[in-house]
Amino acid sequence: MARPREFDIDTAVQAAVEVFRAHGFEGASAQMLVDAMGIGRQSLYDTFGDKWGVYLAAVKRYSQDEVRTHAELLTSRDRAIEGIRAMFDRVVAEADRACLGVSSTVEFGCGRPDLVKLREESGATLVRAVKAALALAREQGDIAADLDMDSLAAFLIATIASIRLAARGGAGPAQLSALVDLAMRALR
């Protein structure tokens, strides 16, 4: 009879998120993961299959949490344009921490179909939330009527990734805030 799991999967996956954020997939060893997750090596393999399985679980968790937080911020203000700004302000405030979503794209591109599928799913959810905020901002008179919503949503999401990459490259808070200011001006 198999022994029951002696660890909380959610807690273990969250610990793996932090390891992968700090070291990427290639830089994270199985030992780093078991140490951070507080599980034995056999439990890692029994639960996740291999390091790649842990990585997919971590990227999925991270992406879901990020998209949920972005969506909450987008709807957190009376004026949608202020919700958009709040989303960007959070990105800048946390830009010193690596983004697992951006890192996974940089590290693997489109070379891993299972990872691409995860990114597409979370990306579609984020696009819907951003487009809803943009539509409301337009109704409230804060976004130019002649701007294409699909292009605007893609631009805002690309700007989030750009801010995170710039921060990883050493850009400071003033530079990152200037990127946000430019993005917000582009909406008018």
N, C-alpha and C. Protein backbone atom coordinates (compact mmCIF):
# COMPACT_ATOMS: atom_id res chain seq x y z
N MET A 1 0.84 -1.18 0.00
CA MET A 1 0.00 0.00 0.00
C MET A 1 0.88 1.24 0.00
N ALA A 2 0.57 2.19 -0.88
CA ALA A 2 1.36 3.42 -0.99
C ALA A 2 1.14 4.30 0.23
N ARG A 3 2.19 4.96 0.64
CA ARG A 3 2.08 5.90 1.76
C ARG A 3 1.35 7.15 1.30
N PRO A 4 0.51 7.70 2.17
CA PRO A 4 -0.17 8.95 1.80
C PRO A 4 0.83 10.10 1.73
N ARG A 5 0.49 11.09 0.94
CA ARG A 5 1.35 12.27 0.84
C ARG A 5 1.47 12.94 2.20
N GLU A 6 2.66 13.38 2.47
CA GLU A 6 2.91 14.03 3.75
C GLU A 6 3.25 15.50 3.56
N PHE A 7 2.79 16.08 2.48
CA PHE A 7 3.06 17.48 2.23
C PHE A 7 1.88 18.11 1.52
N ASP A 8 1.78 19.41 1.64
CA ASP A 8 0.72 20.16 0.97
C ASP A 8 1.20 20.56 -0.42
N ILE A 9 0.50 20.07 -1.43
CA ILE A 9 0.93 20.32 -2.81
C ILE A 9 0.95 21.81 -3.12
N ASP A 10 -0.07 22.56 -2.69
CA ASP A 10 -0.11 24.00 -2.97
C ASP A 10 1.10 24.72 -2.40
N THR A 11 1.45 24.38 -1.17
CA THR A 11 2.62 25.01 -0.53
C THR A 11 3.90 24.63 -1.28
N ALA A 12 3.99 23.36 -1.67
CA ALA A 12 5.18 22.89 -2.40
C ALA A 12 5.30 23.59 -3.75
N VAL A 13 4.19 23.72 -4.47
CA VAL A 13 4.23 24.38 -5.78
C VAL A 13 4.61 25.85 -5.62
N GLN A 14 4.07 26.51 -4.61
CA GLN A 14 4.44 27.92 -4.39
C GLN A 14 5.93 28.06 -4.12
N ALA A 15 6.50 27.13 -3.36
CA ALA A 15 7.94 27.16 -3.11
C ALA A 15 8.71 26.94 -4.41
N ALA A 16 8.21 26.07 -5.27
CA ALA A 16 8.85 25.82 -6.57
C ALA A 16 8.79 27.08 -7.44
N VAL A 17 7.68 27.80 -7.37
CA VAL A 17 7.57 29.06 -8.12
C VAL A 17 8.75 29.97 -7.77
N GLU A 18 9.04 30.10 -6.50
CA GLU A 18 10.12 30.99 -6.07
C GLU A 18 11.49 30.51 -6.55
N VAL A 19 11.70 29.20 -6.54
CA VAL A 19 12.97 28.66 -7.04
C VAL A 19 13.12 28.96 -8.53
N PHE A 20 12.08 28.69 -9.29
CA PHE A 20 12.15 28.92 -10.74
C PHE A 20 12.23 30.41 -11.07
N ARG A 21 11.58 31.26 -10.28
CA ARG A 21 11.71 32.70 -10.51
C ARG A 21 13.16 33.14 -10.33
N ALA A 22 13.80 32.61 -9.33
CA ALA A 22 15.17 33.01 -9.03
C ALA A 22 16.20 32.39 -9.97
N HIS A 23 15.95 31.16 -10.44
CA HIS A 23 16.99 30.43 -11.16
C HIS A 23 16.62 29.97 -12.56
N GLY A 24 15.36 30.13 -12.96
CA GLY A 24 14.94 29.59 -14.25
C GLY A 24 14.86 28.07 -14.18
N PHE A 25 14.45 27.46 -15.28
CA PHE A 25 14.35 26.01 -15.30
C PHE A 25 15.74 25.37 -15.27
N GLU A 26 16.59 25.79 -16.18
CA GLU A 26 17.92 25.17 -16.29
C GLU A 26 18.76 25.39 -15.03
N GLY A 27 18.61 26.54 -14.40
CA GLY A 27 19.43 26.85 -13.23
C GLY A 27 18.94 26.23 -11.94
N ALA A 28 17.74 25.68 -11.95
CA ALA A 28 17.18 25.06 -10.75
C ALA A 28 17.48 23.57 -10.76
N SER A 29 18.11 23.09 -9.72
CA SER A 29 18.40 21.66 -9.62
C SER A 29 17.26 20.97 -8.87
N ALA A 30 17.20 19.66 -9.05
CA ALA A 30 16.21 18.88 -8.31
C ALA A 30 16.43 19.04 -6.80
N GLN A 31 17.68 19.13 -6.39
CA GLN A 31 17.97 19.30 -4.96
C GLN A 31 17.47 20.65 -4.45
N MET A 32 17.65 21.70 -5.24
CA MET A 32 17.12 23.01 -4.84
C MET A 32 15.61 22.94 -4.66
N LEU A 33 14.96 22.22 -5.57
CA LEU A 33 13.50 22.11 -5.50
C LEU A 33 13.05 21.32 -4.27
N VAL A 34 13.64 20.15 -4.03
CA VAL A 34 13.20 19.38 -2.88
C VAL A 34 13.49 20.11 -1.58
N ASP A 35 14.60 20.82 -1.52
CA ASP A 35 14.91 21.61 -0.32
C ASP A 35 13.88 22.70 -0.10
N ALA A 36 13.57 23.45 -1.14
CA ALA A 36 12.62 24.56 -1.01
C ALA A 36 11.20 24.07 -0.78
N MET A 37 10.84 22.98 -1.45
CA MET A 37 9.48 22.46 -1.36
C MET A 37 9.24 21.66 -0.08
N GLY A 38 10.32 21.29 0.60
CA GLY A 38 10.19 20.53 1.84
C GLY A 38 9.70 19.11 1.62
N ILE A 39 10.09 18.52 0.50
CA ILE A 39 9.67 17.16 0.18
C ILE A 39 10.89 16.33 -0.18
N GLY A 40 10.71 15.02 -0.18
CA GLY A 40 11.77 14.13 -0.62
C GLY A 40 11.81 14.05 -2.13
N ARG A 41 12.94 13.64 -2.64
CA ARG A 41 13.11 13.51 -4.09
C ARG A 41 12.09 12.54 -4.68
N GLN A 42 11.83 11.43 -3.99
CA GLN A 42 10.87 10.46 -4.50
C GLN A 42 9.46 11.06 -4.53
N SER A 43 9.12 11.87 -3.54
CA SER A 43 7.81 12.53 -3.54
C SER A 43 7.68 13.48 -4.72
N LEU A 44 8.76 14.17 -5.05
CA LEU A 44 8.74 15.06 -6.22
C LEU A 44 8.41 14.25 -7.47
N TYR A 45 9.11 13.13 -7.65
CA TYR A 45 8.89 12.31 -8.85
C TYR A 45 7.52 11.64 -8.84
N ASP A 46 7.09 11.15 -7.67
CA ASP A 46 5.79 10.50 -7.57
C ASP A 46 4.65 11.48 -7.85
N THR A 47 4.80 12.71 -7.42
CA THR A 47 3.72 13.71 -7.55
C THR A 47 3.75 14.43 -8.89
N PHE A 48 4.93 14.81 -9.35
CA PHE A 48 5.04 15.66 -10.53
C PHE A 48 5.66 14.96 -11.75
N GLY A 49 6.19 13.78 -11.57
CA GLY A 49 6.81 13.05 -12.67
C GLY A 49 8.29 13.34 -12.81
N ASP A 50 8.61 14.62 -12.94
CA ASP A 50 10.00 15.03 -13.09
C ASP A 50 10.09 16.54 -12.88
N LYS A 51 11.27 17.07 -13.06
CA LYS A 51 11.48 18.51 -12.87
C LYS A 51 10.59 19.32 -13.81
N TRP A 52 10.40 18.85 -15.02
CA TRP A 52 9.55 19.55 -15.97
C TRP A 52 8.10 19.62 -15.47
N GLY A 53 7.63 18.55 -14.87
CA GLY A 53 6.29 18.54 -14.29
C GLY A 53 6.15 19.56 -13.18
N VAL A 54 7.18 19.69 -12.36
CA VAL A 54 7.17 20.71 -11.31
C VAL A 54 7.15 22.09 -11.96
N TYR A 55 7.94 22.27 -12.99
CA TYR A 55 8.01 23.57 -13.67
C TYR A 55 6.66 23.96 -14.25
N LEU A 56 6.00 23.02 -14.92
CA LEU A 56 4.68 23.32 -15.48
C LEU A 56 3.69 23.68 -14.39
N ALA A 57 3.72 22.96 -13.28
CA ALA A 57 2.82 23.28 -12.17
C ALA A 57 3.12 24.67 -11.62
N ALA A 58 4.39 25.01 -11.54
CA ALA A 58 4.79 26.32 -11.02
C ALA A 58 4.37 27.44 -11.98
N VAL A 59 4.62 27.26 -13.27
CA VAL A 59 4.23 28.28 -14.25
C VAL A 59 2.72 28.46 -14.26
N LYS A 60 1.99 27.37 -14.18
CA LYS A 60 0.52 27.46 -14.16
C LYS A 60 0.06 28.24 -12.94
N ARG A 61 0.58 27.89 -11.77
CA ARG A 61 0.20 28.59 -10.54
C ARG A 61 0.54 30.07 -10.63
N TYR A 62 1.77 30.36 -11.03
CA TYR A 62 2.22 31.75 -11.12
C TYR A 62 1.34 32.53 -12.09
N SER A 63 1.08 31.96 -13.25
CA SER A 63 0.27 32.65 -14.27
C SER A 63 -1.14 32.91 -13.77
N GLN A 64 -1.74 31.92 -13.14
CA GLN A 64 -3.10 32.10 -12.61
C GLN A 64 -3.12 33.21 -11.56
N ASP A 65 -2.14 33.21 -10.66
CA ASP A 65 -2.10 34.24 -9.62
C ASP A 65 -1.89 35.63 -10.22
N GLU A 66 -0.97 35.73 -11.18
CA GLU A 66 -0.70 37.02 -11.81
C GLU A 66 -1.92 37.55 -12.57
N VAL A 67 -2.54 36.70 -13.35
CA VAL A 67 -3.70 37.13 -14.13
C VAL A 67 -4.82 37.56 -13.19
N ARG A 68 -5.05 36.78 -12.13
CA ARG A 68 -6.09 37.14 -11.16
C ARG A 68 -5.79 38.51 -10.52
N THR A 69 -4.55 38.73 -10.15
CA THR A 69 -4.18 40.00 -9.53
C THR A 69 -4.34 41.16 -10.51
N HIS A 70 -3.91 40.96 -11.75
CA HIS A 70 -4.10 42.01 -12.77
C HIS A 70 -5.58 42.31 -12.96
N ALA A 71 -6.40 41.27 -13.07
CA ALA A 71 -7.84 41.47 -13.29
C ALA A 71 -8.47 42.21 -12.12
N GLU A 72 -8.06 41.87 -10.90
CA GLU A 72 -8.59 42.56 -9.72
C GLU A 72 -8.22 44.03 -9.74
N LEU A 73 -6.98 44.33 -10.08
CA LEU A 73 -6.54 45.72 -10.12
C LEU A 73 -7.26 46.50 -11.23
N LEU A 74 -7.48 45.86 -12.35
CA LEU A 74 -8.16 46.53 -13.46
C LEU A 74 -9.57 46.98 -13.07
N THR A 75 -10.19 46.28 -12.17
CA THR A 75 -11.56 46.62 -11.76
C THR A 75 -11.61 47.26 -10.38
N SER A 76 -10.49 47.67 -9.85
CA SER A 76 -10.41 48.14 -8.47
C SER A 76 -10.72 49.63 -8.28
N ARG A 77 -10.89 50.36 -9.36
CA ARG A 77 -11.11 51.80 -9.25
C ARG A 77 -12.42 52.18 -9.94
N ASP A 78 -12.95 53.33 -9.57
CA ASP A 78 -14.19 53.79 -10.21
C ASP A 78 -13.99 54.05 -11.70
N ARG A 79 -12.87 54.62 -12.04
CA ARG A 79 -12.57 54.88 -13.44
C ARG A 79 -11.62 53.79 -13.94
N ALA A 80 -11.97 53.19 -15.05
CA ALA A 80 -11.19 52.07 -15.59
C ALA A 80 -9.75 52.47 -15.89
N ILE A 81 -9.54 53.70 -16.33
CA ILE A 81 -8.19 54.16 -16.65
C ILE A 81 -7.31 54.13 -15.40
N GLU A 82 -7.92 54.39 -14.25
CA GLU A 82 -7.17 54.34 -12.99
C GLU A 82 -6.86 52.90 -12.59
N GLY A 83 -7.75 51.97 -12.95
CA GLY A 83 -7.48 50.55 -12.73
C GLY A 83 -6.32 50.08 -13.59
N ILE A 84 -6.27 50.56 -14.83
CA ILE A 84 -5.15 50.23 -15.71
C ILE A 84 -3.85 50.76 -15.11
N ARG A 85 -3.90 51.98 -14.62
CA ARG A 85 -2.72 52.58 -13.99
C ARG A 85 -2.31 51.78 -12.74
N ALA A 86 -3.29 51.35 -11.95
CA ALA A 86 -2.99 50.57 -10.75
C ALA A 86 -2.29 49.26 -11.11
N MET A 87 -2.73 48.64 -12.19
CA MET A 87 -2.08 47.41 -12.65
C MET A 87 -0.61 47.68 -12.99
N PHE A 88 -0.37 48.75 -13.75
CA PHE A 88 1.01 49.09 -14.10
C PHE A 88 1.84 49.47 -12.88
N ASP A 89 1.25 50.22 -11.96
CA ASP A 89 1.98 50.62 -10.76
C ASP A 89 2.43 49.40 -9.95
N ARG A 90 1.59 48.38 -9.89
CA ARG A 90 1.98 47.15 -9.21
C ARG A 90 3.15 46.48 -9.94
N VAL A 91 3.08 46.44 -11.25
CA VAL A 91 4.17 45.82 -12.02
C VAL A 91 5.48 46.53 -11.71
N VAL A 92 5.46 47.84 -11.69
CA VAL A 92 6.67 48.61 -11.38
C VAL A 92 7.13 48.34 -9.95
N ALA A 93 6.19 48.33 -9.01
CA ALA A 93 6.55 48.12 -7.61
C ALA A 93 7.20 46.76 -7.37
N GLU A 94 6.81 45.77 -8.17
CA GLU A 94 7.33 44.42 -7.97
C GLU A 94 8.32 44.00 -9.05
N ALA A 95 8.77 44.95 -9.85
CA ALA A 95 9.62 44.62 -11.00
C ALA A 95 11.00 44.10 -10.61
N ASP A 96 11.40 44.29 -9.37
CA ASP A 96 12.71 43.78 -8.95
C ASP A 96 12.70 42.26 -8.78
N ARG A 97 11.51 41.65 -8.76
CA ARG A 97 11.39 40.20 -8.67
C ARG A 97 11.14 39.63 -10.06
N ALA A 98 11.82 38.57 -10.38
CA ALA A 98 11.68 37.97 -11.72
C ALA A 98 10.25 37.51 -11.96
N CYS A 99 9.81 37.68 -13.20
CA CYS A 99 8.49 37.23 -13.62
C CYS A 99 8.65 35.85 -14.25
N LEU A 100 8.01 34.85 -13.67
CA LEU A 100 8.15 33.50 -14.20
C LEU A 100 7.54 33.37 -15.59
N GLY A 101 6.49 34.15 -15.87
CA GLY A 101 5.90 34.11 -17.20
C GLY A 101 6.86 34.61 -18.27
N VAL A 102 7.44 35.77 -18.03
CA VAL A 102 8.41 36.33 -18.98
C VAL A 102 9.64 35.42 -19.06
N SER A 103 10.11 34.95 -17.92
CA SER A 103 11.29 34.09 -17.91
C SER A 103 11.06 32.81 -18.71
N SER A 104 9.86 32.24 -18.59
CA SER A 104 9.58 31.01 -19.33
C SER A 104 9.58 31.26 -20.84
N THR A 105 9.11 32.44 -21.23
CA THR A 105 9.11 32.79 -22.65
C THR A 105 10.54 32.99 -23.14
N VAL A 106 11.35 33.68 -22.36
CA VAL A 106 12.73 33.92 -22.75
C VAL A 106 13.51 32.61 -22.81
N GLU A 107 13.28 31.75 -21.83
CA GLU A 107 14.05 30.52 -21.75
C GLU A 107 13.64 29.48 -22.81
N PHE A 108 12.33 29.41 -23.13
CA PHE A 108 11.87 28.34 -24.02
C PHE A 108 11.20 28.81 -25.30
N GLY A 109 10.86 30.09 -25.42
CA GLY A 109 10.18 30.56 -26.61
C GLY A 109 8.92 29.75 -26.85
N CYS A 110 8.77 29.25 -28.06
CA CYS A 110 7.61 28.42 -28.42
C CYS A 110 8.02 26.97 -28.61
N GLY A 111 9.14 26.58 -28.06
CA GLY A 111 9.69 25.26 -28.29
C GLY A 111 9.07 24.14 -27.48
N ARG A 112 8.28 24.46 -26.48
CA ARG A 112 7.64 23.42 -25.65
C ARG A 112 6.13 23.59 -25.72
N PRO A 113 5.44 22.75 -26.50
CA PRO A 113 3.99 22.92 -26.70
C PRO A 113 3.17 22.95 -25.42
N ASP A 114 3.55 22.17 -24.40
CA ASP A 114 2.78 22.17 -23.16
C ASP A 114 2.90 23.50 -22.43
N LEU A 115 4.06 24.12 -22.53
CA LEU A 115 4.27 25.43 -21.92
C LEU A 115 3.55 26.51 -22.73
N VAL A 116 3.61 26.41 -24.04
CA VAL A 116 2.90 27.36 -24.90
C VAL A 116 1.40 27.32 -24.61
N LYS A 117 0.86 26.12 -24.42
CA LYS A 117 -0.57 25.99 -24.11
C LYS A 117 -0.91 26.71 -22.81
N LEU A 118 -0.09 26.54 -21.79
CA LEU A 118 -0.32 27.24 -20.52
C LEU A 118 -0.30 28.76 -20.73
N ARG A 119 0.69 29.23 -21.47
CA ARG A 119 0.79 30.68 -21.71
C ARG A 119 -0.40 31.19 -22.51
N GLU A 120 -0.84 30.42 -23.49
CA GLU A 120 -1.99 30.84 -24.30
C GLU A 120 -3.25 30.93 -23.45
N GLU A 121 -3.45 29.96 -22.55
CA GLU A 121 -4.64 29.97 -21.70
C GLU A 121 -4.65 31.18 -20.76
N SER A 122 -3.55 31.40 -20.07
CA SER A 122 -3.51 32.54 -19.15
C SER A 122 -3.51 33.85 -19.92
N GLY A 123 -2.84 33.86 -21.07
CA GLY A 123 -2.82 35.07 -21.89
C GLY A 123 -4.20 35.46 -22.38
N ALA A 124 -5.00 34.47 -22.78
CA ALA A 124 -6.36 34.76 -23.24
C ALA A 124 -7.21 35.36 -22.13
N THR A 125 -7.04 34.85 -20.93
CA THR A 125 -7.78 35.38 -19.78
C THR A 125 -7.36 36.82 -19.50
N LEU A 126 -6.06 37.08 -19.55
CA LEU A 126 -5.58 38.44 -19.32
C LEU A 126 -6.05 39.39 -20.42
N VAL A 127 -6.01 38.96 -21.65
CA VAL A 127 -6.47 39.80 -22.75
C VAL A 127 -7.94 40.18 -22.55
N ARG A 128 -8.76 39.22 -22.16
CA ARG A 128 -10.18 39.54 -21.92
C ARG A 128 -10.34 40.59 -20.82
N ALA A 129 -9.58 40.46 -19.74
CA ALA A 129 -9.67 41.42 -18.64
C ALA A 129 -9.20 42.80 -19.07
N VAL A 130 -8.10 42.85 -19.80
CA VAL A 130 -7.57 44.14 -20.27
C VAL A 130 -8.54 44.78 -21.26
N LYS A 131 -9.08 44.01 -22.19
CA LYS A 131 -10.02 44.56 -23.16
C LYS A 131 -11.29 45.07 -22.48
N ALA A 132 -11.75 44.39 -21.45
CA ALA A 132 -12.92 44.87 -20.72
C ALA A 132 -12.63 46.21 -20.05
N ALA A 133 -11.44 46.33 -19.46
CA ALA A 133 -11.06 47.60 -18.83
C ALA A 133 -10.92 48.70 -19.88
N LEU A 134 -10.34 48.38 -21.01
CA LEU A 134 -10.19 49.37 -22.08
C LEU A 134 -11.55 49.81 -22.61
N ALA A 135 -12.47 48.87 -22.78
CA ALA A 135 -13.80 49.22 -23.27
C ALA A 135 -14.51 50.15 -22.30
N LEU A 136 -14.40 49.86 -21.01
CA LEU A 136 -15.02 50.73 -20.01
C LEU A 136 -14.35 52.09 -19.99
N ALA A 137 -13.02 52.11 -20.09
CA ALA A 137 -12.31 53.39 -20.12
C ALA A 137 -12.73 54.21 -21.33
N ARG A 138 -12.95 53.55 -22.44
CA ARG A 138 -13.43 54.25 -23.64
C ARG A 138 -14.83 54.83 -23.38
N GLU A 139 -15.72 54.03 -22.80
CA GLU A 139 -17.06 54.51 -22.47
C GLU A 139 -17.01 55.71 -21.52
N GLN A 140 -16.03 55.72 -20.63
CA GLN A 140 -15.88 56.80 -19.67
C GLN A 140 -15.15 58.00 -20.26
N GLY A 141 -14.79 57.90 -21.53
CA GLY A 141 -14.15 59.02 -22.22
C GLY A 141 -12.67 59.18 -21.98
N ASP A 142 -12.02 58.15 -21.47
CA ASP A 142 -10.59 58.26 -21.13
C ASP A 142 -9.66 57.65 -22.16
N ILE A 143 -10.21 57.02 -23.21
CA ILE A 143 -9.40 56.43 -24.26
C ILE A 143 -9.94 56.91 -25.60
N ALA A 144 -9.03 57.20 -26.49
CA ALA A 144 -9.42 57.69 -27.81
C ALA A 144 -10.32 56.66 -28.51
N ALA A 145 -11.36 57.15 -29.14
CA ALA A 145 -12.35 56.29 -29.79
C ALA A 145 -11.81 55.60 -31.04
N ASP A 146 -10.77 56.16 -31.64
CA ASP A 146 -10.27 55.60 -32.90
C ASP A 146 -9.19 54.53 -32.72
N LEU A 147 -8.84 54.21 -31.49
CA LEU A 147 -7.80 53.21 -31.25
C LEU A 147 -8.40 51.80 -31.26
N ASP A 148 -7.69 50.86 -31.89
CA ASP A 148 -8.13 49.49 -31.99
C ASP A 148 -7.92 48.77 -30.65
N MET A 149 -8.98 48.17 -30.12
CA MET A 149 -8.92 47.54 -28.81
C MET A 149 -7.99 46.33 -28.77
N ASP A 150 -7.97 45.53 -29.82
CA ASP A 150 -7.07 44.37 -29.85
C ASP A 150 -5.62 44.83 -29.81
N SER A 151 -5.32 45.85 -30.58
CA SER A 151 -3.95 46.37 -30.59
C SER A 151 -3.58 47.00 -29.26
N LEU A 152 -4.52 47.72 -28.66
CA LEU A 152 -4.26 48.33 -27.35
C LEU A 152 -3.99 47.27 -26.29
N ALA A 153 -4.81 46.23 -26.27
CA ALA A 153 -4.61 45.17 -25.28
C ALA A 153 -3.24 44.51 -25.47
N ALA A 154 -2.89 44.22 -26.71
CA ALA A 154 -1.58 43.63 -26.99
C ALA A 154 -0.45 44.57 -26.57
N PHE A 155 -0.64 45.86 -26.81
CA PHE A 155 0.37 46.85 -26.43
C PHE A 155 0.54 46.90 -24.91
N LEU A 156 -0.55 46.92 -24.17
CA LEU A 156 -0.46 47.00 -22.71
C LEU A 156 0.22 45.75 -22.14
N ILE A 157 -0.13 44.60 -22.65
CA ILE A 157 0.47 43.36 -22.16
C ILE A 157 1.96 43.29 -22.52
N ALA A 158 2.30 43.74 -23.71
CA ALA A 158 3.71 43.79 -24.11
C ALA A 158 4.48 44.79 -23.25
N THR A 159 3.81 45.86 -22.86
CA THR A 159 4.45 46.86 -21.99
C THR A 159 4.75 46.27 -20.62
N ILE A 160 3.84 45.45 -20.10
CA ILE A 160 4.11 44.78 -18.82
C ILE A 160 5.37 43.94 -18.94
N ALA A 161 5.47 43.14 -19.99
CA ALA A 161 6.66 42.30 -20.19
C ALA A 161 7.90 43.17 -20.36
N SER A 162 7.78 44.28 -21.08
CA SER A 162 8.91 45.18 -21.30
C SER A 162 9.40 45.78 -19.99
N ILE A 163 8.48 46.18 -19.14
CA ILE A 163 8.85 46.74 -17.84
C ILE A 163 9.62 45.70 -17.03
N ARG A 164 9.12 44.48 -17.04
CA ARG A 164 9.78 43.43 -16.27
C ARG A 164 11.16 43.10 -16.82
N LEU A 165 11.29 43.07 -18.14
CA LEU A 165 12.60 42.83 -18.74
C LEU A 165 13.56 43.99 -18.46
N ALA A 166 13.06 45.20 -18.57
CA ALA A 166 13.91 46.37 -18.30
C ALA A 166 14.40 46.34 -16.85
N ALA A 167 13.54 45.98 -15.93
CA ALA A 167 13.93 45.90 -14.53
C ALA A 167 15.01 44.84 -14.32
N ARG A 168 14.84 43.69 -14.96
CA ARG A 168 15.85 42.63 -14.84
C ARG A 168 17.19 43.07 -15.43
N GLY A 169 17.13 43.98 -16.40
CA GLY A 169 18.34 44.52 -17.02
C GLY A 169 18.94 45.69 -16.26
N GLY A 170 18.32 46.08 -15.14
CA GLY A 170 18.90 47.13 -14.31
C GLY A 170 18.19 48.46 -14.32
N ALA A 171 17.11 48.60 -15.06
CA ALA A 171 16.37 49.87 -15.06
C ALA A 171 15.81 50.13 -13.66
N GLY A 172 15.91 51.37 -13.24
CA GLY A 172 15.42 51.75 -11.93
C GLY A 172 13.96 52.16 -11.94
N PRO A 173 13.41 52.42 -10.76
CA PRO A 173 12.00 52.78 -10.65
C PRO A 173 11.60 54.00 -11.48
N ALA A 174 12.47 54.99 -11.58
CA ALA A 174 12.13 56.19 -12.36
C ALA A 174 12.00 55.84 -13.85
N GLN A 175 12.90 55.02 -14.35
CA GLN A 175 12.82 54.61 -15.75
C GLN A 175 11.57 53.77 -16.01
N LEU A 176 11.26 52.88 -15.08
CA LEU A 176 10.09 52.03 -15.24
C LEU A 176 8.80 52.84 -15.18
N SER A 177 8.76 53.80 -14.28
CA SER A 177 7.58 54.68 -14.18
C SER A 177 7.42 55.51 -15.45
N ALA A 178 8.52 55.90 -16.04
CA ALA A 178 8.45 56.67 -17.30
C ALA A 178 7.84 55.80 -18.41
N LEU A 179 8.15 54.51 -18.42
CA LEU A 179 7.54 53.61 -19.40
C LEU A 179 6.02 53.54 -19.19
N VAL A 180 5.61 53.49 -17.94
CA VAL A 180 4.17 53.47 -17.64
C VAL A 180 3.53 54.77 -18.11
N ASP A 181 4.17 55.90 -17.83
CA ASP A 181 3.62 57.19 -18.25
C ASP A 181 3.44 57.23 -19.77
N LEU A 182 4.41 56.74 -20.50
CA LEU A 182 4.30 56.71 -21.95
C LEU A 182 3.17 55.80 -22.42
N ALA A 183 3.05 54.66 -21.79
CA ALA A 183 1.97 53.73 -22.16
C ALA A 183 0.61 54.37 -21.89
N MET A 184 0.48 55.04 -20.77
CA MET A 184 -0.80 55.68 -20.44
C MET A 184 -1.10 56.81 -21.42
N ARG A 185 -0.09 57.54 -21.84
CA ARG A 185 -0.30 58.62 -22.82
C ARG A 185 -0.74 58.06 -24.17
N ALA A 186 -0.27 56.86 -24.49
CA ALA A 186 -0.61 56.25 -25.77
C ALA A 186 -2.11 55.89 -25.87
N LEU A 187 -2.77 55.84 -24.74
CA LEU A 187 -4.19 55.49 -24.71
C LEU A 187 -5.09 56.67 -25.06
N ARG A 188 -4.56 57.85 -25.06
CA ARG A 188 -5.40 59.05 -25.24
C ARG A 188 -5.68 59.36 -26.70
